[in-house]
């Protein structure tokens, strides 16, 4: 029979890494996938790395955020208003 190890208070509350990545799985049509693949090869990186860079750039682009919400926003009370603080967008 295995002995159960008691956890200390510090061990019970695990620290979350500040640089931890969250996995997002996008489904692309074939044309978009082909374009992403060619661009990734051109930039010598994986498709996943390139997709992450594109998403990071998009969520920091005021024009893109406005376009996206103008086109797809359904609920005005949830519309985000980006504010630039020290060169970085917050919302």
Protein backbone atom coordinates (compact mmCIF):
# COMPACT_ATOMS: atom_id res chain seq x y z
CA UNK A 1 0.00 0.00 0.00
CA UNK A 2 1.30 3.43 -0.95
CA UNK A 3 1.74 6.04 1.71
CA UNK A 4 -0.15 9.24 1.02
CA UNK A 5 2.07 12.26 1.27
CA UNK A 6 0.63 15.26 3.08
CA UNK A 7 0.81 18.48 1.13
CA UNK A 8 2.13 21.59 2.76
CA UNK A 9 0.13 24.79 2.34
CA UNK A 10 2.68 26.04 -0.19
CA UNK A 11 2.44 22.88 -2.29
CA UNK A 12 -1.36 22.90 -2.22
CA UNK A 13 -1.43 26.29 -3.92
CA UNK A 14 0.61 25.87 -7.11
CA UNK A 15 2.15 28.90 -8.69
CA UNK A 16 1.02 29.69 -12.21
CA UNK A 17 3.79 30.65 -14.58
CA UNK A 18 3.39 34.16 -15.95
CA UNK A 19 4.69 33.04 -19.35
CA UNK A 20 2.43 30.00 -19.63
CA UNK A 21 0.94 29.59 -23.11
CA UNK A 22 -2.73 28.80 -23.66
CA UNK A 23 -3.55 26.45 -26.52
CA UNK A 24 -6.04 27.69 -29.12
CA UNK A 25 -7.04 25.40 -31.95
CA UNK A 26 -8.29 27.14 -35.11
CA UNK A 27 -9.94 25.38 -38.02
CA UNK A 28 -8.88 26.87 -41.36
CA UNK A 29 -10.19 26.40 -44.86
CA UNK A 30 -7.72 24.84 -47.30
CA UNK A 31 -6.77 28.10 -49.02
CA UNK A 32 -5.99 29.87 -45.73
CA UNK A 33 -4.03 26.84 -44.53
CA UNK A 34 -2.02 26.80 -47.76
CA UNK A 35 -1.23 30.53 -47.40
CA UNK A 36 -0.24 30.12 -43.75
CA UNK A 37 1.98 27.17 -44.63
CA UNK A 38 3.77 29.06 -47.44
CA UNK A 39 4.29 32.13 -45.26
CA UNK A 40 5.56 29.97 -42.37
CA UNK A 41 8.08 28.27 -44.66
CA UNK A 42 9.18 31.66 -46.00
CA UNK A 43 9.68 32.93 -42.43
CA UNK A 44 11.40 29.70 -41.29
CA UNK A 45 8.94 29.00 -38.50
CA UNK A 46 6.14 26.58 -37.75
CA UNK A 47 2.55 27.34 -38.75
CA UNK A 48 1.65 27.43 -35.07
CA UNK A 49 4.34 30.01 -34.27
CA UNK A 50 3.27 32.16 -37.22
CA UNK A 51 -0.42 31.92 -36.28
CA UNK A 52 0.44 33.03 -32.73
CA UNK A 53 2.37 36.04 -34.06
CA UNK A 54 -0.54 36.98 -36.34
CA UNK A 55 -3.05 36.73 -33.48
CA UNK A 56 -0.81 38.72 -31.11
CA UNK A 57 -0.49 41.45 -33.76
CA UNK A 58 -4.24 41.47 -34.45
CA UNK A 59 -5.30 41.92 -30.81
CA UNK A 60 -2.85 44.84 -30.49
CA UNK A 61 -4.17 46.61 -33.60
CA UNK A 62 -6.85 49.24 -32.88
CA UNK A 63 -8.00 49.33 -36.51
CA UNK A 64 -8.44 45.57 -36.67
CA UNK A 65 -10.31 45.49 -33.35
CA UNK A 66 -12.67 48.21 -34.56
CA UNK A 67 -13.23 46.48 -37.92
CA UNK A 68 -13.86 43.13 -36.22
CA UNK A 69 -16.39 44.56 -33.79
CA UNK A 70 -18.11 46.67 -36.46
CA UNK A 71 -18.55 43.56 -38.58
CA UNK A 72 -19.32 40.90 -35.94
CA UNK A 73 -20.32 42.53 -32.63
CA UNK A 74 -23.81 41.45 -31.52
CA UNK A 75 -24.00 43.03 -28.06
CA UNK A 76 -23.00 46.69 -27.62
CA UNK A 77 -22.62 46.23 -23.87
CA UNK A 78 -19.74 43.80 -24.55
CA UNK A 79 -17.96 45.99 -27.10
CA UNK A 80 -14.35 46.53 -26.01
CA UNK A 81 -12.76 49.96 -26.10
CA UNK A 82 -9.00 49.69 -26.57
CA UNK A 83 -6.88 52.17 -24.63
CA UNK A 84 -3.18 52.58 -25.41
CA UNK A 85 -1.00 52.78 -22.30
CA UNK A 86 2.76 53.02 -22.75
CA UNK A 87 2.48 51.73 -26.33
CA UNK A 88 0.41 48.66 -25.45
CA UNK A 89 -3.33 48.22 -25.94
CA UNK A 90 -5.51 47.39 -22.96
CA UNK A 91 -9.20 46.52 -22.96
